[in-house]
Amino acid sequence: MRILVVEDDLKIAQFILKGLKSSGFAVDHAATGTDGIEKTFEEPYDAMVVDIML
């Protein structure tokens, strides 16, 4: 399963990415909403973790 994490706080993003990777997921990170949208056009994702206050 491929997951995109959209989070602007690097420490929070690293925490989430580490947890997901250790659980066996393939993960990518975007620091902005715009970057997140662009990544969804480049690669298919099964799920997204999004900072709604971004």
PDB file of N, CA and C in Angstrom:
ATOM      1  N   MET A   1       0.842  -1.171   0.000  1.00  0.00           N
ATOM      2  CA  MET A   1       0.000   0.000   0.000  1.00  0.00           C
ATOM      3  C   MET A   1       0.891   1.240   0.000  1.00  0.00           C
ATOM      4  N   ARG A   2       0.567   2.203  -0.854  1.00  0.00           N
ATOM      5  CA  ARG A   2       1.336   3.442  -0.987  1.00  0.00           C
ATOM      6  C   ARG A   2       0.541   4.584  -0.349  1.00  0.00           C
ATOM      7  N   ILE A   3       1.204   5.338   0.554  1.00  0.00           N
ATOM      8  CA  ILE A   3       0.540   6.402   1.302  1.00  0.00           C
ATOM      9  C   ILE A   3       1.292   7.714   1.107  1.00  0.00           C
ATOM     10  N   LEU A   4       0.537   8.789   0.902  1.00  0.00           N
ATOM     11  CA  LEU A   4       1.105  10.130   0.808  1.00  0.00           C
ATOM     12  C   LEU A   4       0.793  10.877   2.097  1.00  0.00           C
ATOM     13  N   VAL A   5       1.832  11.421   2.719  1.00  0.00           N
ATOM     14  CA  VAL A   5       1.681  12.224   3.933  1.00  0.00           C
ATOM     15  C   VAL A   5       1.876  13.688   3.545  1.00  0.00           C
ATOM     16  N   VAL A   6       0.854  14.512   3.795  1.00  0.00           N
ATOM     17  CA  VAL A   6       0.930  15.946   3.508  1.00  0.00           C
ATOM     18  C   VAL A   6       0.964  16.670   4.847  1.00  0.00           C
ATOM     19  N   GLU A   7       2.146  17.160   5.196  1.00  0.00           N
ATOM     20  CA  GLU A   7       2.354  17.782   6.518  1.00  0.00           C
ATOM     21  C   GLU A   7       3.471  18.811   6.410  1.00  0.00           C
ATOM     22  N   ASP A   8       3.218  20.033   6.878  1.00  0.00           N
ATOM     23  CA  ASP A   8       4.224  21.084   6.781  1.00  0.00           C
ATOM     24  C   ASP A   8       5.209  21.103   7.947  1.00  0.00           C
ATOM     25  N   ASP A   9       4.865  20.502   9.059  1.00  0.00           N
ATOM     26  CA  ASP A   9       5.774  20.436  10.211  1.00  0.00           C
ATOM     27  C   ASP A   9       6.680  19.215  10.035  1.00  0.00           C
ATOM     28  N   LEU A  10       7.961  19.465   9.796  1.00  0.00           N
ATOM     29  CA  LEU A  10       8.889  18.379   9.457  1.00  0.00           C
ATOM     30  C   LEU A  10       9.002  17.330  10.555  1.00  0.00           C
ATOM     31  N   LYS A  11       9.008  17.750  11.820  1.00  0.00           N
ATOM     32  CA  LYS A  11       9.124  16.778  12.914  1.00  0.00           C
ATOM     33  C   LYS A  11       7.908  15.858  12.970  1.00  0.00           C
ATOM     34  N   ILE A  12       6.730  16.413  12.786  1.00  0.00           N
ATOM     35  CA  ILE A  12       5.517  15.594  12.778  1.00  0.00           C
ATOM     36  C   ILE A  12       5.532  14.663  11.574  1.00  0.00           C
ATOM     37  N   ALA A  13       5.920  15.191  10.419  1.00  0.00           N
ATOM     38  CA  ALA A  13       5.983  14.374   9.204  1.00  0.00           C
ATOM     39  C   ALA A  13       6.945  13.205   9.380  1.00  0.00           C
ATOM     40  N   GLN A  14       8.124  13.471   9.949  1.00  0.00           N
ATOM     41  CA  GLN A  14       9.100  12.402  10.158  1.00  0.00           C
ATOM     42  C   GLN A  14       8.558  11.334  11.101  1.00  0.00           C
ATOM     43  N   PHE A  15       7.848  11.748  12.135  1.00  0.00           N
ATOM     44  CA  PHE A  15       7.243  10.811  13.081  1.00  0.00           C
ATOM     45  C   PHE A  15       6.230   9.901  12.377  1.00  0.00           C
ATOM     46  N   ILE A  16       5.364  10.503  11.575  1.00  0.00           N
ATOM     47  CA  ILE A  16       4.345   9.732  10.849  1.00  0.00           C
ATOM     48  C   ILE A  16       5.005   8.811   9.827  1.00  0.00           C
ATOM     49  N   LEU A  17       5.957   9.347   9.063  1.00  0.00           N
ATOM     50  CA  LEU A  17       6.637   8.549   8.041  1.00  0.00           C
ATOM     51  C   LEU A  17       7.357   7.356   8.652  1.00  0.00           C
ATOM     52  N   LYS A  18       8.046   7.577   9.759  1.00  0.00           N
ATOM     53  CA  LYS A  18       8.769   6.488  10.419  1.00  0.00           C
ATOM     54  C   LYS A  18       7.810   5.390  10.858  1.00  0.00           C
ATOM     55  N   GLY A  19       6.690   5.774  11.450  1.00  0.00           N
ATOM     56  CA  GLY A  19       5.710   4.786  11.900  1.00  0.00           C
ATOM     57  C   GLY A  19       5.113   3.992  10.753  1.00  0.00           C
ATOM     58  N   LEU A  20       4.774   4.683   9.677  1.00  0.00           N
ATOM     59  CA  LEU A  20       4.188   3.994   8.526  1.00  0.00           C
ATOM     60  C   LEU A  20       5.202   3.071   7.852  1.00  0.00           C
ATOM     61  N   LYS A  21       6.441   3.553   7.702  1.00  0.00           N
ATOM     62  CA  LYS A  21       7.482   2.719   7.089  1.00  0.00           C
ATOM     63  C   LYS A  21       7.752   1.474   7.920  1.00  0.00           C
ATOM     64  N   SER A  22       7.796   1.632   9.237  1.00  0.00           N
ATOM     65  CA  SER A  22       8.070   0.475  10.096  1.00  0.00           C
ATOM     66  C   SER A  22       6.925  -0.528  10.068  1.00  0.00           C
ATOM     67  N   SER A  23       5.746  -0.079   9.643  1.00  0.00           N
ATOM     68  CA  SER A  23       4.598  -0.979   9.505  1.00  0.00           C
ATOM     69  C   SER A  23       4.526  -1.599   8.116  1.00  0.00           C
ATOM     70  N   GLY A  24       5.506  -1.281   7.264  1.00  0.00           N
ATOM     71  CA  GLY A  24       5.591  -1.916   5.954  1.00  0.00           C
ATOM     72  C   GLY A  24       4.963  -1.154   4.805  1.00  0.00           C
ATOM     73  N   PHE A  25       4.551   0.086   5.040  1.00  0.00           N
ATOM     74  CA  PHE A  25       3.935   0.874   3.975  1.00  0.00           C
ATOM     75  C   PHE A  25       4.992   1.611   3.168  1.00  0.00           C
ATOM     76  N   ALA A  26       4.709   1.814   1.888  1.00  0.00           N
ATOM     77  CA  ALA A  26       5.526   2.684   1.042  1.00  0.00           C
ATOM     78  C   ALA A  26       4.957   4.085   1.217  1.00  0.00           C
ATOM     79  N   VAL A  27       5.795   5.040   1.587  1.00  0.00           N
ATOM     80  CA  VAL A  27       5.288   6.381   1.883  1.00  0.00           C
ATOM     81  C   VAL A  27       6.070   7.459   1.152  1.00  0.00           C
ATOM     82  N   ASP A  28       5.366   8.534   0.833  1.00  0.00           N
ATOM     83  CA  ASP A  28       5.961   9.741   0.270  1.00  0.00           C
ATOM     84  C   ASP A  28       5.497  10.909   1.121  1.00  0.00           C
ATOM     85  N   HIS A  29       6.233  12.013   1.025  1.00  0.00           N
ATOM     86  CA  HIS A  29       5.913  13.193   1.827  1.00  0.00           C
ATOM     87  C   HIS A  29       5.801  14.420   0.929  1.00  0.00           C
ATOM     88  N   ALA A  30       4.822  15.256   1.225  1.00  0.00           N
ATOM     89  CA  ALA A  30       4.693  16.570   0.603  1.00  0.00           C
ATOM     90  C   ALA A  30       4.548  17.588   1.725  1.00  0.00           C
ATOM     91  N   ALA A  31       5.272  18.699   1.624  1.00  0.00           N
ATOM     92  CA  ALA A  31       5.262  19.703   2.689  1.00  0.00           C
ATOM     93  C   ALA A  31       4.173  20.752   2.511  1.00  0.00           C
ATOM     94  N   THR A  32       3.582  20.821   1.319  1.00  0.00           N
ATOM     95  CA  THR A  32       2.506  21.787   1.079  1.00  0.00           C
ATOM     96  C   THR A  32       1.340  21.092   0.390  1.00  0.00           C
ATOM     97  N   GLY A  33       0.184  21.722   0.474  1.00  0.00           N
ATOM     98  CA  GLY A  33      -0.983  21.170  -0.209  1.00  0.00           C
ATOM     99  C   GLY A  33      -0.781  21.115  -1.711  1.00  0.00           C
ATOM    100  N   THR A  34      -0.158  22.144  -2.258  1.00  0.00           N
ATOM    101  CA  THR A  34       0.109  22.182  -3.697  1.00  0.00           C
ATOM    102  C   THR A  34       1.020  21.037  -4.112  1.00  0.00           C
ATOM    103  N   ASP A  35       2.074  20.806  -3.343  1.00  0.00           N
ATOM    104  CA  ASP A  35       2.974  19.682  -3.639  1.00  0.00           C
ATOM    105  C   ASP A  35       2.232  18.353  -3.540  1.00  0.00           C
ATOM    106  N   GLY A  36       1.348  18.249  -2.566  1.00  0.00           N
ATOM    107  CA  GLY A  36       0.560  17.028  -2.404  1.00  0.00           C
ATOM    108  C   GLY A  36      -0.316  16.757  -3.611  1.00  0.00           C
ATOM    109  N   ILE A  37      -0.975  17.802  -4.095  1.00  0.00           N
ATOM    110  CA  ILE A  37      -1.827  17.654  -5.282  1.00  0.00           C
ATOM    111  C   ILE A  37      -0.991  17.239  -6.481  1.00  0.00           C
ATOM    112  N   GLU A  38       0.165  17.883  -6.668  1.00  0.00           N
ATOM    113  CA  GLU A  38       1.036  17.539  -7.796  1.00  0.00           C
ATOM    114  C   GLU A  38       1.491  16.085  -7.721  1.00  0.00           C
ATOM    115  N   LYS A  39       1.825  15.612  -6.528  1.00  0.00           N
ATOM    116  CA  LYS A  39       2.270  14.220  -6.375  1.00  0.00           C
ATOM    117  C   LYS A  39       1.161  13.237  -6.745  1.00  0.00           C
ATOM    118  N   THR A  40      -0.099  13.591  -6.467  1.00  0.00           N
ATOM    119  CA  THR A  40      -1.193  12.672  -6.801  1.00  0.00           C
ATOM    120  C   THR A  40      -1.364  12.527  -8.309  1.00  0.00           C
ATOM    121  N   PHE A  41      -0.927  13.523  -9.073  1.00  0.00           N
ATOM    122  CA  PHE A  41      -0.976  13.412 -10.527  1.00  0.00           C
ATOM    123  C   PHE A  41       0.195  12.590 -11.063  1.00  0.00           C
ATOM    124  N   GLU A  42       1.287  12.537 -10.296  1.00  0.00           N
ATOM    125  CA  GLU A  42       2.484  11.816 -10.729  1.00  0.00           C
ATOM    126  C   GLU A  42       2.440  10.330 -10.397  1.00  0.00           C
ATOM    127  N   GLU A  43       1.848   9.984  -9.247  1.00  0.00           N
ATOM    128  CA  GLU A  43       1.829   8.595  -8.796  1.00  0.00           C
ATOM    129  C   GLU A  43       0.482   8.272  -8.166  1.00  0.00           C
ATOM    130  N   PRO A  44       0.042   7.023  -8.306  1.00  0.00           N
ATOM    131  CA  PRO A  44      -1.208   6.630  -7.634  1.00  0.00           C
ATOM    132  C   PRO A  44      -0.954   6.326  -6.154  1.00  0.00           C
ATOM    133  N   TYR A  45      -1.846   6.778  -5.295  1.00  0.00           N
ATOM    134  CA  TYR A  45      -1.752   6.504  -3.857  1.00  0.00           C
ATOM    135  C   TYR A  45      -3.010   5.776  -3.413  1.00  0.00           C
ATOM    136  N   ASP A  46      -2.830   4.870  -2.468  1.00  0.00           N
ATOM    137  CA  ASP A  46      -3.956   4.130  -1.912  1.00  0.00           C
ATOM    138  C   ASP A  46      -4.631   4.906  -0.787  1.00  0.00           C
ATOM    139  N   ALA A  47      -3.853   5.772  -0.118  1.00  0.00           N
ATOM    140  CA  ALA A  47      -4.387   6.555   0.997  1.00  0.00           C
ATOM    141  C   ALA A  47      -3.524   7.796   1.185  1.00  0.00           C
ATOM    142  N   MET A  48      -4.101   8.785   1.887  1.00  0.00           N
ATOM    143  CA  MET A  48      -3.369  10.008   2.212  1.00  0.00           C
ATOM    144  C   MET A  48      -3.591  10.354   3.675  1.00  0.00           C
ATOM    145  N   VAL A  49      -2.542  10.867   4.312  1.00  0.00           N
ATOM    146  CA  VAL A  49      -2.638  11.433   5.658  1.00  0.00           C
ATOM    147  C   VAL A  49      -2.399  12.925   5.463  1.00  0.00           C
ATOM    148  N   VAL A  50      -3.421  13.748   5.750  1.00  0.00           N
ATOM    149  CA  VAL A  50      -3.352  15.171   5.421  1.00  0.00           C
ATOM    150  C   VAL A  50      -3.563  16.027   6.658  1.00  0.00           C
ATOM    151  N   ASP A  51      -2.705  17.015   6.827  1.00  0.00           N
ATOM    152  CA  ASP A  51      -2.852  18.023   7.869  1.00  0.00           C
ATOM    153  C   ASP A  51      -3.964  18.965   7.411  1.00  0.00           C
ATOM    154  N   ILE A  52      -5.144  18.887   8.021  1.00  0.00           N
ATOM    155  CA  ILE A  52      -6.276  19.687   7.546  1.00  0.00           C
ATOM    156  C   ILE A  52      -6.126  21.171   7.868  1.00  0.00           C
ATOM    157  N   MET A  53      -5.208  21.517   8.764  1.00  0.00           N
ATOM    158  CA  MET A  53      -4.974  22.924   9.084  1.00  0.00           C
ATOM    159  C   MET A  53      -3.862  23.524   8.222  1.00  0.00           C
ATOM    160  N   LEU A  54      -3.408  22.782   7.239  1.00  0.00           N
ATOM    161  CA  LEU A  54      -2.302  23.210   6.381  1.00  0.00           C
ATOM    162  C   LEU A  54      -2.688  24.439   5.655  1.00  0.00           C
TER     163      LEU A  54
END
